[in-house]
Amino acid sequence: MAYYVYLLASKKYGTLYLGVTNDIIRRTFEHKSKVVAGFSKRYSVDRLVWYEIYDDPVAAITREKELKKWRREWKIRLIEEKNPEWIDLYPEITV
């Protein structure tokens, strides 16, 4: 089973949300549909702009905790290394 650490954004350089999941398609859909109350719903954070894949849940959770300590500009650099235009990657992963 795969585990994902992911970043969502409200828009380019907008509000960021960092999470971990074992089903990135379902979880991103939940953010987009605003079915779960919380931060991402409140701030309309629903654009999948970055993710990493792990085989081990402990490794994924460890990485998420590490990234949560990062400064905002470091997270922006991480996004822009792979996705400089901040394109929503959700359509790409649902193919």
PDB file of N, CA and C in Angstrom:
ATOM      1  N   MET A   1       0.841  -1.185   0.000  1.00  0.00           N
ATOM      2  CA  MET A   1       0.000   0.000   0.000  1.00  0.00           C
ATOM      3  C   MET A   1       0.882   1.243   0.000  1.00  0.00           C
ATOM      4  N   ALA A   2       0.449   2.261  -0.721  1.00  0.00           N
ATOM      5  CA  ALA A   2       1.180   3.521  -0.792  1.00  0.00           C
ATOM      6  C   ALA A   2       0.628   4.515   0.227  1.00  0.00           C
ATOM      7  N   TYR A   3       1.509   5.367   0.679  1.00  0.00           N
ATOM      8  CA  TYR A   3       1.159   6.448   1.611  1.00  0.00           C
ATOM      9  C   TYR A   3       1.692   7.739   1.014  1.00  0.00           C
ATOM     10  N   TYR A   4       0.954   8.803   1.177  1.00  0.00           N
ATOM     11  CA  TYR A   4       1.269  10.066   0.527  1.00  0.00           C
ATOM     12  C   TYR A   4       1.377  11.198   1.533  1.00  0.00           C
ATOM     13  N   VAL A   5       2.395  12.009   1.361  1.00  0.00           N
ATOM     14  CA  VAL A   5       2.498  13.293   2.048  1.00  0.00           C
ATOM     15  C   VAL A   5       2.202  14.322   0.969  1.00  0.00           C
ATOM     16  N   TYR A   6       1.309  15.264   1.249  1.00  0.00           N
ATOM     17  CA  TYR A   6       0.868  16.163   0.189  1.00  0.00           C
ATOM     18  C   TYR A   6       0.690  17.594   0.687  1.00  0.00           C
ATOM     19  N   LEU A   7       0.784  18.513  -0.253  1.00  0.00           N
ATOM     20  CA  LEU A   7       0.515  19.920   0.002  1.00  0.00           C
ATOM     21  C   LEU A   7      -0.606  20.390  -0.901  1.00  0.00           C
ATOM     22  N   LEU A   8      -1.561  21.074  -0.301  1.00  0.00           N
ATOM     23  CA  LEU A   8      -2.634  21.731  -1.032  1.00  0.00           C
ATOM     24  C   LEU A   8      -2.438  23.231  -0.906  1.00  0.00           C
ATOM     25  N   ALA A   9      -2.932  23.966  -1.884  1.00  0.00           N
ATOM     26  CA  ALA A   9      -2.877  25.426  -1.843  1.00  0.00           C
ATOM     27  C   ALA A   9      -4.230  25.988  -2.250  1.00  0.00           C
ATOM     28  N   SER A  10      -4.545  27.168  -1.749  1.00  0.00           N
ATOM     29  CA  SER A  10      -5.783  27.840  -2.145  1.00  0.00           C
ATOM     30  C   SER A  10      -5.621  28.484  -3.527  1.00  0.00           C
ATOM     31  N   LYS A  11      -4.389  28.902  -3.832  1.00  0.00           N
ATOM     32  CA  LYS A  11      -4.028  29.502  -5.116  1.00  0.00           C
ATOM     33  C   LYS A  11      -2.509  29.599  -5.124  1.00  0.00           C
ATOM     34  N   LYS A  12      -1.920  30.082  -6.198  1.00  0.00           N
ATOM     35  CA  LYS A  12      -0.464  30.249  -6.245  1.00  0.00           C
ATOM     36  C   LYS A  12      -0.053  31.217  -5.137  1.00  0.00           C
ATOM     37  N   TYR A  13       0.859  30.771  -4.303  1.00  0.00           N
ATOM     38  CA  TYR A  13       1.348  31.514  -3.141  1.00  0.00           C
ATOM     39  C   TYR A  13       0.263  31.778  -2.096  1.00  0.00           C
ATOM     40  N   GLY A  14      -0.804  31.006  -2.147  1.00  0.00           N
ATOM     41  CA  GLY A  14      -1.893  31.178  -1.200  1.00  0.00           C
ATOM     42  C   GLY A  14      -1.685  30.369   0.072  1.00  0.00           C
ATOM     43  N   THR A  15      -2.770  30.121   0.762  1.00  0.00           N
ATOM     44  CA  THR A  15      -2.755  29.347   1.995  1.00  0.00           C
ATOM     45  C   THR A  15      -2.368  27.910   1.679  1.00  0.00           C
ATOM     46  N   LEU A  16      -1.510  27.316   2.529  1.00  0.00           N
ATOM     47  CA  LEU A  16      -1.046  25.951   2.335  1.00  0.00           C
ATOM     48  C   LEU A  16      -1.621  25.019   3.392  1.00  0.00           C
ATOM     49  N   TYR A  17      -1.823  23.764   2.985  1.00  0.00           N
ATOM     50  CA  TYR A  17      -2.262  22.706   3.902  1.00  0.00           C
ATOM     51  C   TYR A  17      -1.380  21.493   3.641  1.00  0.00           C
ATOM     52  N   LEU A  18      -0.836  20.929   4.699  1.00  0.00           N
ATOM     53  CA  LEU A  18       0.028  19.755   4.605  1.00  0.00           C
ATOM     54  C   LEU A  18      -0.676  18.581   5.261  1.00  0.00           C
ATOM     55  N   GLY A  19      -0.693  17.432   4.573  1.00  0.00           N
ATOM     56  CA  GLY A  19      -1.357  16.264   5.126  1.00  0.00           C
ATOM     57  C   GLY A  19      -0.686  14.965   4.723  1.00  0.00           C
ATOM     58  N   VAL A  20      -1.187  13.875   5.293  1.00  0.00           N
ATOM     59  CA  VAL A  20      -0.714  12.530   4.962  1.00  0.00           C
ATOM     60  C   VAL A  20      -1.951  11.645   4.805  1.00  0.00           C
ATOM     61  N   THR A  21      -1.904  10.718   3.848  1.00  0.00           N
ATOM     62  CA  THR A  21      -3.047   9.847   3.582  1.00  0.00           C
ATOM     63  C   THR A  21      -2.585   8.565   2.901  1.00  0.00           C
ATOM     64  N   ASN A  22      -3.439   7.547   2.931  1.00  0.00           N
ATOM     65  CA  ASN A  22      -3.153   6.326   2.177  1.00  0.00           C
ATOM     66  C   ASN A  22      -3.995   6.267   0.897  1.00  0.00           C
ATOM     67  N   ASP A  23      -4.808   7.288   0.660  1.00  0.00           N
ATOM     68  CA  ASP A  23      -5.641   7.353  -0.547  1.00  0.00           C
ATOM     69  C   ASP A  23      -5.718   8.810  -1.007  1.00  0.00           C
ATOM     70  N   ILE A  24      -4.752   9.211  -1.795  1.00  0.00           N
ATOM     71  CA  ILE A  24      -4.649  10.629  -2.167  1.00  0.00           C
ATOM     72  C   ILE A  24      -5.800  11.086  -3.059  1.00  0.00           C
ATOM     73  N   ILE A  25      -6.332  10.207  -3.881  1.00  0.00           N
ATOM     74  CA  ILE A  25      -7.464  10.591  -4.736  1.00  0.00           C
ATOM     75  C   ILE A  25      -8.694  10.887  -3.875  1.00  0.00           C
ATOM     76  N   ARG A  26      -9.020   9.955  -2.980  1.00  0.00           N
ATOM     77  CA  ARG A  26     -10.175  10.164  -2.098  1.00  0.00           C
ATOM     78  C   ARG A  26      -9.996  11.399  -1.233  1.00  0.00           C
ATOM     79  N   ARG A  27      -8.809  11.533  -0.634  1.00  0.00           N
ATOM     80  CA  ARG A  27      -8.580  12.641   0.297  1.00  0.00           C
ATOM     81  C   ARG A  27      -8.616  13.988  -0.419  1.00  0.00           C
ATOM     82  N   THR A  28      -8.030  14.076  -1.595  1.00  0.00           N
ATOM     83  CA  THR A  28      -8.075  15.327  -2.344  1.00  0.00           C
ATOM     84  C   THR A  28      -9.511  15.647  -2.754  1.00  0.00           C
ATOM     85  N   PHE A  29     -10.262  14.624  -3.145  1.00  0.00           N
ATOM     86  CA  PHE A  29     -11.666  14.824  -3.478  1.00  0.00           C
ATOM     87  C   PHE A  29     -12.439  15.371  -2.277  1.00  0.00           C
ATOM     88  N   GLU A  30     -12.152  14.850  -1.089  1.00  0.00           N
ATOM     89  CA  GLU A  30     -12.803  15.360   0.129  1.00  0.00           C
ATOM     90  C   GLU A  30     -12.487  16.839   0.342  1.00  0.00           C
ATOM     91  N   HIS A  31     -11.242  17.222   0.122  1.00  0.00           N
ATOM     92  CA  HIS A  31     -10.877  18.639   0.249  1.00  0.00           C
ATOM     93  C   HIS A  31     -11.621  19.473  -0.791  1.00  0.00           C
ATOM     94  N   LYS A  32     -11.637  19.010  -2.027  1.00  0.00           N
ATOM     95  CA  LYS A  32     -12.291  19.747  -3.104  1.00  0.00           C
ATOM     96  C   LYS A  32     -13.805  19.850  -2.887  1.00  0.00           C
ATOM     97  N   SER A  33     -14.401  18.790  -2.352  1.00  0.00           N
ATOM     98  CA  SER A  33     -15.846  18.759  -2.131  1.00  0.00           C
ATOM     99  C   SER A  33     -16.257  19.481  -0.853  1.00  0.00           C
ATOM    100  N   LYS A  34     -15.269  19.798  -0.024  1.00  0.00           N
ATOM    101  CA  LYS A  34     -15.502  20.489   1.245  1.00  0.00           C
ATOM    102  C   LYS A  34     -16.466  19.718   2.148  1.00  0.00           C
ATOM    103  N   VAL A  35     -16.355  18.378   2.121  1.00  0.00           N
ATOM    104  CA  VAL A  35     -17.245  17.535   2.923  1.00  0.00           C
ATOM    105  C   VAL A  35     -16.766  17.382   4.359  1.00  0.00           C
ATOM    106  N   VAL A  36     -15.493  17.686   4.615  1.00  0.00           N
ATOM    107  CA  VAL A  36     -14.948  17.566   5.962  1.00  0.00           C
ATOM    108  C   VAL A  36     -14.699  18.968   6.504  1.00  0.00           C
ATOM    109  N   ALA A  37     -15.333  19.268   7.631  1.00  0.00           N
ATOM    110  CA  ALA A  37     -15.132  20.577   8.249  1.00  0.00           C
ATOM    111  C   ALA A  37     -13.694  20.687   8.735  1.00  0.00           C
ATOM    112  N   GLY A  38     -13.159  21.885   8.682  1.00  0.00           N
ATOM    113  CA  GLY A  38     -11.805  22.099   9.175  1.00  0.00           C
ATOM    114  C   GLY A  38     -11.076  23.170   8.397  1.00  0.00           C
ATOM    115  N   PHE A  39      -9.758  23.165   8.545  1.00  0.00           N
ATOM    116  CA  PHE A  39      -8.900  24.197   7.980  1.00  0.00           C
ATOM    117  C   PHE A  39      -9.056  24.333   6.473  1.00  0.00           C
ATOM    118  N   SER A  40      -8.955  23.219   5.757  1.00  0.00           N
ATOM    119  CA  SER A  40      -8.980  23.310   4.290  1.00  0.00           C
ATOM    120  C   SER A  40     -10.334  23.801   3.774  1.00  0.00           C
ATOM    121  N   LYS A  41     -11.402  23.431   4.439  1.00  0.00           N
ATOM    122  CA  LYS A  41     -12.725  23.918   4.042  1.00  0.00           C
ATOM    123  C   LYS A  41     -12.848  25.409   4.349  1.00  0.00           C
ATOM    124  N   ARG A  42     -12.418  25.804   5.528  1.00  0.00           N
ATOM    125  CA  ARG A  42     -12.535  27.197   5.972  1.00  0.00           C
ATOM    126  C   ARG A  42     -11.764  28.143   5.049  1.00  0.00           C
ATOM    127  N   TYR A  43     -10.585  27.704   4.582  1.00  0.00           N
ATOM    128  CA  TYR A  43      -9.738  28.582   3.784  1.00  0.00           C
ATOM    129  C   TYR A  43      -9.708  28.219   2.294  1.00  0.00           C
ATOM    130  N   SER A  44     -10.623  27.355   1.855  1.00  0.00           N
ATOM    131  CA  SER A  44     -10.731  26.939   0.448  1.00  0.00           C
ATOM    132  C   SER A  44      -9.394  26.454  -0.109  1.00  0.00           C
ATOM    133  N   VAL A  45      -8.747  25.594   0.647  1.00  0.00           N
ATOM    134  CA  VAL A  45      -7.472  25.020   0.240  1.00  0.00           C
ATOM    135  C   VAL A  45      -7.768  23.678  -0.423  1.00  0.00           C
ATOM    136  N   ASP A  46      -7.767  23.645  -1.753  1.00  0.00           N
ATOM    137  CA  ASP A  46      -8.201  22.426  -2.447  1.00  0.00           C
ATOM    138  C   ASP A  46      -7.425  22.126  -3.726  1.00  0.00           C
ATOM    139  N   ARG A  47      -6.320  22.802  -3.938  1.00  0.00           N
ATOM    140  CA  ARG A  47      -5.504  22.575  -5.135  1.00  0.00           C
ATOM    141  C   ARG A  47      -4.291  21.724  -4.745  1.00  0.00           C
ATOM    142  N   LEU A  48      -4.236  20.496  -5.240  1.00  0.00           N
ATOM    143  CA  LEU A  48      -3.102  19.601  -4.955  1.00  0.00           C
ATOM    144  C   LEU A  48      -1.902  20.088  -5.758  1.00  0.00           C
ATOM    145  N   VAL A  49      -0.864  20.581  -5.063  1.00  0.00           N
ATOM    146  CA  VAL A  49       0.270  21.169  -5.776  1.00  0.00           C
ATOM    147  C   VAL A  49       1.571  20.386  -5.604  1.00  0.00           C
ATOM    148  N   TRP A  50       1.600  19.433  -4.668  1.00  0.00           N
ATOM    149  CA  TRP A  50       2.827  18.662  -4.428  1.00  0.00           C
ATOM    150  C   TRP A  50       2.478  17.413  -3.631  1.00  0.00           C
ATOM    151  N   TYR A  51       3.191  16.311  -3.909  1.00  0.00           N
ATOM    152  CA  TYR A  51       3.058  15.112  -3.082  1.00  0.00           C
ATOM    153  C   TYR A  51       4.280  14.227  -3.245  1.00  0.00           C
ATOM    154  N   GLU A  52       4.499  13.395  -2.234  1.00  0.00           N
ATOM    155  CA  GLU A  52       5.532  12.365  -2.247  1.00  0.00           C
ATOM    156  C   GLU A  52       4.863  11.048  -1.879  1.00  0.00           C
ATOM    157  N   ILE A  53       5.416   9.948  -2.390  1.00  0.00           N
ATOM    158  CA  ILE A  53       4.855   8.616  -2.161  1.00  0.00           C
ATOM    159  C   ILE A  53       5.818   7.801  -1.300  1.00  0.00           C
ATOM    160  N   TYR A  54       5.262   7.086  -0.333  1.00  0.00           N
ATOM    161  CA  TYR A  54       6.042   6.227   0.560  1.00  0.00           C
ATOM    162  C   TYR A  54       5.403   4.847   0.625  1.00  0.00           C
ATOM    163  N   ASP A  55       6.225   3.832   0.848  1.00  0.00           N
ATOM    164  CA  ASP A  55       5.734   2.468   1.031  1.00  0.00           C
ATOM    165  C   ASP A  55       5.391   2.184   2.481  1.00  0.00           C
ATOM    166  N   ASP A  56       5.942   2.974   3.377  1.00  0.00           N
ATOM    167  CA  ASP A  56       5.837   2.728   4.809  1.00  0.00           C
ATOM    168  C   ASP A  56       5.073   3.864   5.491  1.00  0.00           C
ATOM    169  N   PRO A  57       4.024   3.559   6.256  1.00  0.00           N
ATOM    170  CA  PRO A  57       3.255   4.621   6.904  1.00  0.00           C
ATOM    171  C   PRO A  57       4.078   5.426   7.916  1.00  0.00           C
ATOM    172  N   VAL A  58       4.993   4.770   8.602  1.00  0.00           N
ATOM    173  CA  VAL A  58       5.819   5.475   9.589  1.00  0.00           C
ATOM    174  C   VAL A  58       6.710   6.505   8.887  1.00  0.00           C
ATOM    175  N   ALA A  59       7.275   6.131   7.751  1.00  0.00           N
ATOM    176  CA  ALA A  59       8.116   7.062   6.987  1.00  0.00           C
ATOM    177  C   ALA A  59       7.300   8.258   6.507  1.00  0.00           C
ATOM    178  N   ALA A  60       6.088   8.023   6.048  1.00  0.00           N
ATOM    179  CA  ALA A  60       5.229   9.112   5.571  1.00  0.00           C
ATOM    180  C   ALA A  60       4.859  10.056   6.715  1.00  0.00           C
ATOM    181  N   ILE A  61       4.486   9.504   7.841  1.00  0.00           N
ATOM    182  CA  ILE A  61       4.117  10.332   8.994  1.00  0.00           C
ATOM    183  C   ILE A  61       5.325  11.118   9.511  1.00  0.00           C
ATOM    184  N   THR A  62       6.483  10.476   9.523  1.00  0.00           N
ATOM    185  CA  THR A  62       7.715  11.145   9.946  1.00  0.00           C
ATOM    186  C   THR A  62       8.022  12.323   9.026  1.00  0.00           C
ATOM    187  N   ARG A  63       7.878  12.116   7.722  1.00  0.00           N
ATOM    188  CA  ARG A  63       8.124  13.179   6.749  1.00  0.00           C
ATOM    189  C   ARG A  63       7.128  14.328   6.931  1.00  0.00           C
ATOM    190  N   GLU A  64       5.851  13.994   7.156  1.00  0.00           N
ATOM    191  CA  GLU A  64       4.846  15.035   7.375  1.00  0.00           C
ATOM    192  C   GLU A  64       5.210  15.872   8.600  1.00  0.00           C
ATOM    193  N   LYS A  65       5.579  15.215   9.676  1.00  0.00           N
ATOM    194  CA  LYS A  65       5.950  15.940  10.903  1.00  0.00           C
ATOM    195  C   LYS A  65       7.165  16.831  10.667  1.00  0.00           C
ATOM    196  N   GLU A  66       8.120  16.340   9.879  1.00  0.00           N
ATOM    197  CA  GLU A  66       9.303  17.135   9.541  1.00  0.00           C
ATOM    198  C   GLU A  66       8.904  18.376   8.758  1.00  0.00           C
ATOM    199  N   LEU A  67       8.054  18.201   7.732  1.00  0.00           N
ATOM    200  CA  LEU A  67       7.646  19.324   6.888  1.00  0.00           C
ATOM    201  C   LEU A  67       6.796  20.334   7.655  1.00  0.00           C
ATOM    202  N   LYS A  68       6.028  19.876   8.636  1.00  0.00           N
ATOM    203  CA  LYS A  68       5.211  20.797   9.435  1.00  0.00           C
ATOM    204  C   LYS A  68       6.081  21.787  10.209  1.00  0.00           C
ATOM    205  N   LYS A  69       7.327  21.424  10.461  1.00  0.00           N
ATOM    206  CA  LYS A  69       8.255  22.314  11.165  1.00  0.00           C
ATOM    207  C   LYS A  69       8.934  23.304  10.214  1.00  0.00           C
ATOM    208  N   TRP A  70       8.825  23.053   8.922  1.00  0.00           N
ATOM    209  CA  TRP A  70       9.491  23.899   7.928  1.00  0.00           C
ATOM    210  C   TRP A  70       8.850  25.279   7.859  1.00  0.00           C
ATOM    211  N   ARG A  71       9.658  26.247   7.469  1.00  0.00           N
ATOM    212  CA  ARG A  71       9.167  27.596   7.215  1.00  0.00           C
ATOM    213  C   ARG A  71       8.375  27.593   5.902  1.00  0.00           C
ATOM    214  N   ARG A  72       7.460  28.531   5.802  1.00  0.00           N
ATOM    215  CA  ARG A  72       6.611  28.644   4.614  1.00  0.00           C
ATOM    216  C   ARG A  72       7.434  28.736   3.327  1.00  0.00           C
ATOM    217  N   GLU A  73       8.489  29.548   3.324  1.00  0.00           N
ATOM    218  CA  GLU A  73       9.275  29.719   2.102  1.00  0.00           C
ATOM    219  C   GLU A  73       9.962  28.425   1.675  1.00  0.00           C
ATOM    220  N   TRP A  74      10.300  27.562   2.621  1.00  0.00           N
ATOM    221  CA  TRP A  74      10.896  26.266   2.284  1.00  0.00           C
ATOM    222  C   TRP A  74       9.864  25.378   1.589  1.00  0.00           C
ATOM    223  N   LYS A  75       8.619  25.429   2.075  1.00  0.00           N
ATOM    224  CA  LYS A  75       7.550  24.640   1.456  1.00  0.00           C
ATOM    225  C   LYS A  75       7.265  25.156   0.044  1.00  0.00           C
ATOM    226  N   ILE A  76       7.295  26.464  -0.134  1.00  0.00           N
ATOM    227  CA  ILE A  76       7.089  27.050  -1.459  1.00  0.00           C
ATOM    228  C   ILE A  76       8.185  26.585  -2.410  1.00  0.00           C
ATOM    229  N   ARG A  77       9.420  26.571  -1.949  1.00  0.00           N
ATOM    230  CA  ARG A  77      10.541  26.105  -2.778  1.00  0.00           C
ATOM    231  C   ARG A  77      10.342  24.635  -3.155  1.00  0.00           C
ATOM    232  N   LEU A  78       9.879  23.824  -2.195  1.00  0.00           N
ATOM    233  CA  LEU A  78       9.622  22.407  -2.441  1.00  0.00           C
ATOM    234  C   LEU A  78       8.573  22.240  -3.547  1.00  0.00           C
ATOM    235  N   ILE A  79       7.506  23.002  -3.475  1.00  0.00           N
ATOM    236  CA  ILE A  79       6.454  22.961  -4.498  1.00  0.00           C
ATOM    237  C   ILE A  79       7.032  23.359  -5.849  1.00  0.00           C
ATOM    238  N   GLU A  80       7.742  24.469  -5.878  1.00  0.00           N
ATOM    239  CA  GLU A  80       8.197  25.028  -7.154  1.00  0.00           C
ATOM    240  C   GLU A  80       9.296  24.210  -7.824  1.00  0.00           C
ATOM    241  N   GLU A  81       9.981  23.349  -7.060  1.00  0.00           N
ATOM    242  CA  GLU A  81      10.971  22.462  -7.675  1.00  0.00           C
ATOM    243  C   GLU A  81      10.316  21.496  -8.648  1.00  0.00           C
ATOM    244  N   LYS A  82       9.122  21.020  -8.314  1.00  0.00           N
ATOM    245  CA  LYS A  82       8.421  20.044  -9.162  1.00  0.00           C
ATOM    246  C   LYS A  82       7.230  20.638  -9.910  1.00  0.00           C
ATOM    247  N   ASN A  83       6.694  21.732  -9.408  1.00  0.00           N
ATOM    248  CA  ASN A  83       5.462  22.288  -9.969  1.00  0.00           C
ATOM    249  C   ASN A  83       5.540  23.824  -9.950  1.00  0.00           C
ATOM    250  N   PRO A  84       6.415  24.411 -10.788  1.00  0.00           N
ATOM    251  CA  PRO A  84       6.639  25.864 -10.734  1.00  0.00           C
ATOM    252  C   PRO A  84       5.406  26.711 -11.040  1.00  0.00           C
ATOM    253  N   GLU A  85       4.447  26.160 -11.757  1.00  0.00           N
ATOM    254  CA  GLU A  85       3.235  26.910 -12.095  1.00  0.00           C
ATOM    255  C   GLU A  85       2.099  26.680 -11.092  1.00  0.00           C
ATOM    256  N   TRP A  86       2.346  25.843 -10.088  1.00  0.00           N
ATOM    257  CA  TRP A  86       1.335  25.521  -9.067  1.00  0.00           C
ATOM    258  C   TRP A  86       0.064  24.948  -9.708  1.00  0.00           C
ATOM    259  N   ILE A  87       0.244  24.135 -10.721  1.00  0.00           N
ATOM    260  CA  ILE A  87      -0.875  23.494 -11.406  1.00  0.00           C
ATOM    261  C   ILE A  87      -1.514  22.477 -10.462  1.00  0.00           C
ATOM    262  N   ASP A  88      -2.831  22.388 -10.498  1.00  0.00           N
ATOM    263  CA  ASP A  88      -3.547  21.390  -9.697  1.00  0.00           C
ATOM    264  C   ASP A  88      -3.233  20.009 -10.271  1.00  0.00           C
ATOM    265  N   LEU A  89      -2.602  19.172  -9.473  1.00  0.00           N
ATOM    266  CA  LEU A  89      -2.176  17.845  -9.917  1.00  0.00           C
ATOM    267  C   LEU A  89      -3.276  16.793  -9.814  1.00  0.00           C
ATOM    268  N   TYR A  90      -4.413  17.151  -9.262  1.00  0.00           N
ATOM    269  CA  TYR A  90      -5.496  16.186  -9.071  1.00  0.00           C
ATOM    270  C   TYR A  90      -5.914  15.506 -10.388  1.00  0.00           C
ATOM    271  N   PRO A  91      -6.151  16.244 -11.471  1.00  0.00           N
ATOM    272  CA  PRO A  91      -6.525  15.566 -12.726  1.00  0.00           C
ATOM    273  C   PRO A  91      -5.474  14.563 -13.193  1.00  0.00           C
ATOM    274  N   GLU A  92      -4.216  14.861 -12.941  1.00  0.00           N
ATOM    275  CA  GLU A  92      -3.113  13.989 -13.337  1.00  0.00           C
ATOM    276  C   GLU A  92      -3.151  12.642 -12.594  1.00  0.00           C
ATOM    277  N   ILE A  93      -3.518  12.660 -11.327  1.00  0.00           N
ATOM    278  CA  ILE A  93      -3.504  11.424 -10.539  1.00  0.00           C
ATOM    279  C   ILE A  93      -4.786  10.608 -10.683  1.00  0.00           C
ATOM    280  N   THR A  94      -5.819  11.183 -11.271  1.00  0.00           N
ATOM    281  CA  THR A  94      -7.089  10.466 -11.418  1.00  0.00           C
ATOM    282  C   THR A  94      -7.210   9.763 -12.760  1.00  0.00           C
ATOM    283  N   VAL A  95      -6.210   9.908 -13.604  1.00  0.00           N
ATOM    284  CA  VAL A  95      -6.233   9.287 -14.940  1.00  0.00           C
ATOM    285  C   VAL A  95      -6.035   7.783 -14.825  1.00  0.00           C
TER     286      VAL A  95
END
